[in-house]
Amino acid sequence: MIFFSDEYYMEIALQQAQLAAQNGEIPVGAVVVCNNRIIAKTHNQTEQLTDVTAHAELLAITAAAGFLGSKYLKDCTLYVTLEPCLMCAGALFWSQIDKIVFAARDEKRGFGQVSKTVLHPKTKVTGGVLEKESREILEKFFRQMRT
């Protein structure tokens, strides 16, 4: 079996972030991987769905749970281009996801600003994977929104 790197999966999450930006959404993309297989790919859809909870992470949790037929994502990894907010971290806690890999830290609304203990105690976290690329997408989006 071929195993792919965190950077490989984060590249796919960044492609999802680009799709979000093209649709006028804050460019955050998410991918859920289970046993080296992508089982969910999503991006923010809060504007499209007129739903403040339609964050990439929550949509990814729902899609992955549906694929697995289980509310728990115990052997799964979430790749997301921006550190999850507190709402998403709470949902990730309940999903019991095995690992979270994020690109850019969210200095204003990321769960790490509040408490790292909002995640399930067994969840592993890695940050900073392709952070520069994620920041560039976010900064470009917000620059365009201001002009």
Protein backbone atom coordinates (compact mmCIF):
# COMPACT_ATOMS: atom_id res chain seq x y z
CA MET A 1 0.00 0.00 0.00
CA ILE A 2 1.24 3.49 -0.85
CA PHE A 3 1.12 6.02 1.97
CA PHE A 4 0.83 9.70 1.13
CA SER A 5 2.29 12.56 3.14
CA ASP A 6 0.44 15.20 5.13
CA GLU A 7 1.52 17.68 2.44
CA TYR A 8 -0.16 15.58 -0.26
CA TYR A 9 -3.52 15.62 1.50
CA MET A 10 -3.16 19.28 2.48
CA GLU A 11 -2.66 20.15 -1.21
CA ILE A 12 -6.09 18.63 -1.86
CA ALA A 13 -7.56 20.66 1.02
CA LEU A 14 -5.97 23.78 -0.52
CA GLN A 15 -7.70 22.96 -3.83
CA GLN A 16 -10.97 22.87 -1.89
CA ALA A 17 -10.12 26.25 -0.34
CA GLN A 18 -9.61 27.65 -3.85
CA LEU A 19 -13.08 26.37 -4.82
CA ALA A 20 -14.53 28.15 -1.80
CA ALA A 21 -12.84 31.41 -2.82
CA GLN A 22 -14.17 31.08 -6.38
CA ASN A 23 -17.66 30.80 -4.89
CA GLY A 24 -17.22 33.89 -2.70
CA GLU A 25 -16.74 31.84 0.45
CA ILE A 26 -13.97 32.30 2.99
CA PRO A 27 -11.33 29.97 1.52
CA VAL A 28 -11.13 27.05 3.90
CA GLY A 29 -10.94 23.50 2.60
CA ALA A 30 -11.07 20.18 4.41
CA VAL A 31 -10.31 16.56 3.58
CA VAL A 32 -10.93 13.48 5.72
CA VAL A 33 -8.68 10.47 5.18
CA CYS A 34 -9.30 6.98 6.56
CA ASN A 35 -6.89 4.11 5.94
CA ASN A 36 -5.01 6.19 3.35
CA ARG A 37 -8.24 6.85 1.41
CA ILE A 38 -9.99 10.18 0.99
CA ILE A 39 -13.56 9.75 2.24
CA ALA A 40 -14.63 13.42 2.30
CA LYS A 41 -13.60 16.63 0.50
CA THR A 42 -15.36 19.89 1.33
CA HIS A 43 -14.99 23.63 1.64
CA ASN A 44 -16.80 26.44 3.42
CA GLN A 45 -20.36 26.88 2.15
CA THR A 46 -21.86 29.33 4.65
CA GLU A 47 -22.91 31.81 1.93
CA GLN A 48 -24.13 29.21 -0.53
CA LEU A 49 -26.22 27.37 2.07
CA THR A 50 -27.05 30.50 4.12
CA ASP A 51 -25.97 28.53 7.15
CA VAL A 52 -23.42 29.86 9.62
CA THR A 53 -22.55 26.29 10.63
CA ALA A 54 -21.59 25.20 7.09
CA HIS A 55 -17.87 25.31 7.85
CA ALA A 56 -15.61 23.00 5.85
CA GLU A 57 -14.83 20.91 8.92
CA LEU A 58 -18.47 20.29 9.86
CA LEU A 59 -19.39 19.38 6.29
CA ALA A 60 -16.40 17.02 6.20
CA ILE A 61 -17.42 15.35 9.48
CA THR A 62 -20.94 14.80 8.15
CA ALA A 63 -19.73 13.41 4.82
CA ALA A 64 -17.14 11.12 6.44
CA ALA A 65 -19.62 9.81 9.03
CA GLY A 66 -22.10 9.09 6.25
CA PHE A 67 -19.45 7.27 4.23
CA LEU A 68 -18.40 5.16 7.21
CA GLY A 69 -21.90 4.66 8.58
CA SER A 70 -20.61 5.71 11.99
CA LYS A 71 -20.76 8.86 14.07
CA TYR A 72 -17.17 8.24 15.20
CA LEU A 73 -14.12 8.98 13.05
CA LYS A 74 -11.65 7.08 15.23
CA ASP A 75 -9.23 5.99 12.50
CA CYS A 76 -9.51 9.19 10.47
CA THR A 77 -7.41 12.29 9.91
CA LEU A 78 -8.86 15.71 9.11
CA TYR A 79 -6.72 17.97 6.91
CA VAL A 80 -7.94 21.56 7.05
CA THR A 81 -6.38 24.73 5.68
CA LEU A 82 -7.19 26.87 8.74
CA GLU A 83 -7.12 25.95 12.42
CA PRO A 84 -10.67 24.92 13.40
CA CYS A 85 -12.81 27.36 15.35
CA LEU A 86 -14.31 26.47 18.72
CA MET A 87 -17.58 25.28 17.13
CA CYS A 88 -15.74 22.92 14.79
CA ALA A 89 -13.40 21.77 17.57
CA GLY A 90 -16.44 20.81 19.64
CA ALA A 91 -17.83 18.72 16.78
CA LEU A 92 -14.41 17.15 16.25
CA PHE A 93 -14.36 16.25 19.95
CA TRP A 94 -17.68 14.40 19.62
CA SER A 95 -16.53 12.65 16.44
CA GLN A 96 -13.50 11.30 18.34
CA ILE A 97 -11.36 11.95 15.27
CA ASP A 98 -7.90 10.42 15.55
CA LYS A 99 -5.85 13.29 14.14
CA ILE A 100 -6.21 16.88 12.94
CA VAL A 101 -3.66 18.44 10.59
CA PHE A 102 -4.09 22.14 9.87
CA ALA A 103 -2.18 24.59 7.74
CA ALA A 104 -2.50 28.11 9.14
CA ARG A 105 -3.21 29.03 12.74
CA ASP A 106 -6.29 31.23 13.25
CA GLU A 107 -5.02 33.88 15.64
CA LYS A 108 -8.51 35.31 16.22
CA ARG A 109 -10.93 32.40 16.29
CA GLY A 110 -8.92 29.18 16.36
CA PHE A 111 -9.67 26.70 19.14
CA GLY A 112 -6.09 27.06 20.39
CA GLN A 113 -6.88 30.64 21.44
CA VAL A 114 -9.40 29.27 23.93
CA SER A 115 -8.10 25.87 25.03
CA LYS A 116 -6.43 22.89 23.47
CA THR A 117 -8.47 20.67 25.79
CA VAL A 118 -11.65 21.22 23.71
CA LEU A 119 -10.53 18.30 21.53
CA HIS A 120 -10.88 14.66 22.50
CA PRO A 121 -7.95 13.63 24.73
CA LYS A 122 -6.81 11.01 22.19
CA THR A 123 -6.87 13.39 19.20
CA LYS A 124 -3.41 14.24 17.88
CA VAL A 125 -2.85 17.70 16.37
CA THR A 126 -0.26 18.91 13.87
CA GLY A 127 -0.18 22.52 12.70
CA GLY A 128 1.74 24.46 10.11
CA VAL A 129 1.57 22.01 7.19
CA LEU A 130 1.68 24.19 4.02
CA GLU A 131 0.90 27.20 6.20
CA LYS A 132 2.42 29.69 3.74
CA GLU A 133 0.23 28.47 0.87
CA SER A 134 -2.90 28.63 3.00
CA ARG A 135 -2.11 32.15 4.24
CA GLU A 136 -1.57 33.32 0.66
CA ILE A 137 -5.02 32.08 -0.39
CA LEU A 138 -6.67 33.71 2.64
CA GLU A 139 -4.84 37.02 2.26
CA LYS A 140 -5.59 37.23 -1.46
CA PHE A 141 -9.29 36.56 -0.80
CA PHE A 142 -9.59 39.27 1.87
CA ARG A 143 -7.62 41.78 -0.26
CA GLN A 144 -10.07 41.21 -3.12
CA MET A 145 -13.04 41.57 -0.77
CA ARG A 146 -11.80 45.01 0.33
CA THR A 147 -11.42 46.38 -3.21
